[in-house]
Amino acid sequence: MTREPPPGSAPMTLLVRGFWCECWREDPTGGGPAVLLSATDAYSAVQADRWIAIALRTLASALDPVASAKAWDWLDEGRMETRRTLLRAQPCSVTVHQGDTRVTWTVRPALFLPLEQGGGGGPHACDHPVHTVQSCGADARTY
């Protein structure tokens, strides 16, 4: 989708393809709602799976041995399948379990509407990344 550019300039694409990434924590036995821990935008499959990988590497050392092994399995082997899935513009998720807690990273294709420059040449006051939103969860793929 494009709009008419000013005379002498190139057309501006209104929508930018990317991915919306979320990290959710739930306690399936407690019956409480899932809690959104983090959310971010990514503009490539590489950037999206890197976001999950950084979080899993950080968390892996604090997990019990079984959960840690599953996290490292994803980092060593499952990550490439996740990237292939994202390159096909399909949603995916990665889940680790620690005791009664389940942490799920979800990534789904998204279209972003970029903000324009303000009249004074500078960005709008709200032109910054959004890192926290309320949203509904997605089905989890467990590793």
C-alpha atoms as a PDB file:
ATOM      1  CA  MET A   1       0.000   0.000   0.000  1.00  0.00           C
ATOM      2  CA  THR A   2       1.469   3.340  -1.003  1.00  0.00           C
ATOM      3  CA  ARG A   3       0.288   6.907  -1.137  1.00  0.00           C
ATOM      4  CA  GLU A   4       1.013   9.669  -3.588  1.00  0.00           C
ATOM      5  CA  PRO A   5       4.453  11.136  -2.907  1.00  0.00           C
ATOM      6  CA  PRO A   6       5.224  14.835  -3.091  1.00  0.00           C
ATOM      7  CA  PRO A   7       6.327  15.890  -6.589  1.00  0.00           C
ATOM      8  CA  GLY A   8       9.879  14.761  -7.332  1.00  0.00           C
ATOM      9  CA  SER A   9      10.118  12.163  -4.560  1.00  0.00           C
ATOM     10  CA  ALA A  10       9.767   8.380  -4.442  1.00  0.00           C
ATOM     11  CA  PRO A  11       6.546   6.675  -3.261  1.00  0.00           C
ATOM     12  CA  MET A  12       6.408   5.929   0.454  1.00  0.00           C
ATOM     13  CA  THR A  13       5.461   2.425   1.517  1.00  0.00           C
ATOM     14  CA  LEU A  14       2.948   2.656   4.328  1.00  0.00           C
ATOM     15  CA  LEU A  15       3.233  -0.842   5.759  1.00  0.00           C
ATOM     16  CA  VAL A  16       6.484  -2.497   6.793  1.00  0.00           C
ATOM     17  CA  ARG A  17       6.657  -6.288   7.160  1.00  0.00           C
ATOM     18  CA  GLY A  18       8.119  -7.643  10.365  1.00  0.00           C
ATOM     19  CA  PHE A  19       7.316  -9.753  13.407  1.00  0.00           C
ATOM     20  CA  TRP A  20       5.631  -9.106  16.747  1.00  0.00           C
ATOM     21  CA  CYS A  21       7.382 -10.941  19.590  1.00  0.00           C
ATOM     22  CA  GLU A  22       5.973 -11.617  23.054  1.00  0.00           C
ATOM     23  CA  CYS A  23       7.129 -13.461  26.163  1.00  0.00           C
ATOM     24  CA  TRP A  24       4.417 -14.833  28.475  1.00  0.00           C
ATOM     25  CA  ARG A  25       4.586 -16.474  31.898  1.00  0.00           C
ATOM     26  CA  GLU A  26       1.808 -18.721  33.136  1.00  0.00           C
ATOM     27  CA  ASP A  27       1.161 -21.029  36.038  1.00  0.00           C
ATOM     28  CA  PRO A  28      -1.160 -23.658  34.511  1.00  0.00           C
ATOM     29  CA  THR A  29      -1.896 -25.216  37.915  1.00  0.00           C
ATOM     30  CA  GLY A  30      -2.691 -21.902  39.603  1.00  0.00           C
ATOM     31  CA  GLY A  31      -5.498 -20.952  37.246  1.00  0.00           C
ATOM     32  CA  GLY A  32      -4.436 -17.299  37.075  1.00  0.00           C
ATOM     33  CA  PRO A  33      -4.142 -15.379  33.829  1.00  0.00           C
ATOM     34  CA  ALA A  34      -0.992 -15.409  31.729  1.00  0.00           C
ATOM     35  CA  VAL A  35       1.314 -12.449  32.377  1.00  0.00           C
ATOM     36  CA  LEU A  36       3.004 -10.610  29.535  1.00  0.00           C
ATOM     37  CA  LEU A  37       6.648 -10.219  30.538  1.00  0.00           C
ATOM     38  CA  SER A  38       8.024  -8.568  27.421  1.00  0.00           C
ATOM     39  CA  ALA A  39       7.094  -7.622  23.871  1.00  0.00           C
ATOM     40  CA  THR A  40       9.038  -6.129  20.999  1.00  0.00           C
ATOM     41  CA  ASP A  41       9.033  -5.647  17.262  1.00  0.00           C
ATOM     42  CA  ALA A  42      11.494  -7.350  14.914  1.00  0.00           C
ATOM     43  CA  TYR A  43      12.060  -6.526  11.273  1.00  0.00           C
ATOM     44  CA  SER A  44      13.611  -9.849  10.206  1.00  0.00           C
ATOM     45  CA  ALA A  45      13.421 -13.543  11.073  1.00  0.00           C
ATOM     46  CA  VAL A  46      17.018 -13.324  12.300  1.00  0.00           C
ATOM     47  CA  GLN A  47      16.188 -10.478  14.676  1.00  0.00           C
ATOM     48  CA  ALA A  48      13.098 -12.315  15.984  1.00  0.00           C
ATOM     49  CA  ASP A  49      14.818 -15.627  16.707  1.00  0.00           C
ATOM     50  CA  ARG A  50      17.814 -13.776  18.196  1.00  0.00           C
ATOM     51  CA  TRP A  51      15.435 -12.135  20.697  1.00  0.00           C
ATOM     52  CA  ILE A  52      14.302 -15.592  21.865  1.00  0.00           C
ATOM     53  CA  ALA A  53      17.859 -16.967  21.869  1.00  0.00           C
ATOM     54  CA  ILE A  54      19.209 -14.166  24.059  1.00  0.00           C
ATOM     55  CA  ALA A  55      16.423 -14.676  26.587  1.00  0.00           C
ATOM     56  CA  LEU A  56      16.832 -18.470  26.616  1.00  0.00           C
ATOM     57  CA  ARG A  57      20.610 -18.259  27.062  1.00  0.00           C
ATOM     58  CA  THR A  58      20.106 -15.872  29.957  1.00  0.00           C
ATOM     59  CA  LEU A  59      17.469 -18.083  31.568  1.00  0.00           C
ATOM     60  CA  ALA A  60      19.028 -21.518  30.879  1.00  0.00           C
ATOM     61  CA  SER A  61      21.529 -21.436  33.740  1.00  0.00           C
ATOM     62  CA  ALA A  62      18.748 -20.770  36.264  1.00  0.00           C
ATOM     63  CA  LEU A  63      16.536 -23.652  35.080  1.00  0.00           C
ATOM     64  CA  ASP A  64      16.442 -27.164  36.510  1.00  0.00           C
ATOM     65  CA  PRO A  65      18.583 -29.676  34.553  1.00  0.00           C
ATOM     66  CA  VAL A  66      15.710 -31.029  32.423  1.00  0.00           C
ATOM     67  CA  ALA A  67      14.374 -27.586  31.455  1.00  0.00           C
ATOM     68  CA  SER A  68      17.913 -26.307  30.861  1.00  0.00           C
ATOM     69  CA  ALA A  69      18.648 -29.241  28.529  1.00  0.00           C
ATOM     70  CA  LYS A  70      15.460 -28.525  26.565  1.00  0.00           C
ATOM     71  CA  ALA A  71      16.383 -24.844  26.292  1.00  0.00           C
ATOM     72  CA  TRP A  72      19.852 -25.749  24.995  1.00  0.00           C
ATOM     73  CA  ASP A  73      18.290 -28.252  22.552  1.00  0.00           C
ATOM     74  CA  TRP A  74      16.307 -25.388  21.050  1.00  0.00           C
ATOM     75  CA  LEU A  75      19.379 -23.147  20.978  1.00  0.00           C
ATOM     76  CA  ASP A  76      21.465 -25.875  19.295  1.00  0.00           C
ATOM     77  CA  GLU A  77      18.909 -27.384  16.902  1.00  0.00           C
ATOM     78  CA  GLY A  78      15.386 -25.991  17.202  1.00  0.00           C
ATOM     79  CA  ARG A  79      16.410 -22.432  16.468  1.00  0.00           C
ATOM     80  CA  MET A  80      17.026 -23.145  12.783  1.00  0.00           C
ATOM     81  CA  GLU A  81      13.559 -24.690  12.390  1.00  0.00           C
ATOM     82  CA  THR A  82      12.089 -21.619  14.099  1.00  0.00           C
ATOM     83  CA  ARG A  83      13.949 -19.371  11.670  1.00  0.00           C
ATOM     84  CA  ARG A  84      12.733 -21.388   8.650  1.00  0.00           C
ATOM     85  CA  THR A  85       9.171 -21.109   9.974  1.00  0.00           C
ATOM     86  CA  LEU A  86       9.537 -17.332  10.323  1.00  0.00           C
ATOM     87  CA  LEU A  87      11.046 -17.029   6.841  1.00  0.00           C
ATOM     88  CA  ARG A  88       7.833 -18.654   5.547  1.00  0.00           C
ATOM     89  CA  ALA A  89       5.971 -15.846   7.392  1.00  0.00           C
ATOM     90  CA  GLN A  90       4.332 -18.321   9.776  1.00  0.00           C
ATOM     91  CA  PRO A  91       3.896 -17.836  13.529  1.00  0.00           C
ATOM     92  CA  CYS A  92       5.870 -19.933  15.980  1.00  0.00           C
ATOM     93  CA  SER A  93       6.492 -20.268  19.678  1.00  0.00           C
ATOM     94  CA  VAL A  94       9.010 -21.754  22.092  1.00  0.00           C
ATOM     95  CA  THR A  95       8.090 -22.890  25.602  1.00  0.00           C
ATOM     96  CA  VAL A  96      10.130 -23.944  28.629  1.00  0.00           C
ATOM     97  CA  HIS A  97       8.744 -25.382  31.860  1.00  0.00           C
ATOM     98  CA  GLN A  98      10.225 -24.837  35.311  1.00  0.00           C
ATOM     99  CA  GLY A  99       8.220 -26.461  38.092  1.00  0.00           C
ATOM    100  CA  ASP A 100       4.683 -25.084  37.832  1.00  0.00           C
ATOM    101  CA  THR A 101       5.747 -22.175  35.639  1.00  0.00           C
ATOM    102  CA  ARG A 102       5.604 -22.092  31.858  1.00  0.00           C
ATOM    103  CA  VAL A 103       7.389 -19.366  29.883  1.00  0.00           C
ATOM    104  CA  THR A 104       6.439 -19.013  26.215  1.00  0.00           C
ATOM    105  CA  TRP A 105       7.997 -16.818  23.547  1.00  0.00           C
ATOM    106  CA  THR A 106       5.676 -16.217  20.595  1.00  0.00           C
ATOM    107  CA  VAL A 107       6.561 -14.633  17.275  1.00  0.00           C
ATOM    108  CA  ARG A 108       4.051 -13.864  14.561  1.00  0.00           C
ATOM    109  CA  PRO A 109       4.190 -11.964  11.283  1.00  0.00           C
ATOM    110  CA  ALA A 110       3.027  -8.372  11.538  1.00  0.00           C
ATOM    111  CA  LEU A 111       2.609  -5.284   9.413  1.00  0.00           C
ATOM    112  CA  PHE A 112       3.885  -2.094  11.009  1.00  0.00           C
ATOM    113  CA  LEU A 113       2.772   1.420  10.137  1.00  0.00           C
ATOM    114  CA  PRO A 114       5.804   3.702  10.486  1.00  0.00           C
ATOM    115  CA  LEU A 115       5.347   7.191  11.889  1.00  0.00           C
ATOM    116  CA  GLU A 116       6.224  10.139   9.673  1.00  0.00           C
ATOM    117  CA  GLN A 117       8.573  12.968  10.468  1.00  0.00           C
ATOM    118  CA  GLY A 118       6.891  15.927  12.148  1.00  0.00           C
ATOM    119  CA  GLY A 119       6.549  19.274  10.357  1.00  0.00           C
ATOM    120  CA  GLY A 120       9.721  20.569  12.024  1.00  0.00           C
ATOM    121  CA  GLY A 121      11.834  17.748  10.596  1.00  0.00           C
ATOM    122  CA  GLY A 122      12.173  15.902  13.904  1.00  0.00           C
ATOM    123  CA  PRO A 123      10.350  12.741  14.886  1.00  0.00           C
ATOM    124  CA  HIS A 124       7.001  12.819  16.623  1.00  0.00           C
ATOM    125  CA  ALA A 125       7.139  12.655  20.411  1.00  0.00           C
ATOM    126  CA  CYS A 126       5.663   9.141  20.272  1.00  0.00           C
ATOM    127  CA  ASP A 127       8.195   7.879  17.698  1.00  0.00           C
ATOM    128  CA  HIS A 128       9.926   5.288  19.886  1.00  0.00           C
ATOM    129  CA  PRO A 129       9.768   1.476  20.180  1.00  0.00           C
ATOM    130  CA  VAL A 130       6.838   0.040  22.086  1.00  0.00           C
ATOM    131  CA  HIS A 131       7.955  -2.713  24.450  1.00  0.00           C
ATOM    132  CA  THR A 132       4.879  -3.519  26.532  1.00  0.00           C
ATOM    133  CA  VAL A 133       1.328  -4.224  25.422  1.00  0.00           C
ATOM    134  CA  GLN A 134      -1.649  -6.252  26.542  1.00  0.00           C
ATOM    135  CA  SER A 135      -2.557  -9.029  24.155  1.00  0.00           C
ATOM    136  CA  CYS A 136      -3.907 -12.545  24.152  1.00  0.00           C
ATOM    137  CA  GLY A 137      -1.588 -15.579  24.218  1.00  0.00           C
ATOM    138  CA  ALA A 138      -0.886 -18.084  21.467  1.00  0.00           C
ATOM    139  CA  ASP A 139      -0.574 -21.838  21.309  1.00  0.00           C
ATOM    140  CA  ALA A 140       2.836 -22.985  22.475  1.00  0.00           C
ATOM    141  CA  ARG A 141       5.284 -25.301  20.811  1.00  0.00           C
ATOM    142  CA  THR A 142       7.184 -27.090  23.555  1.00  0.00           C
ATOM    143  CA  TYR A 143      10.867 -27.987  23.353  1.00  0.00           C
END
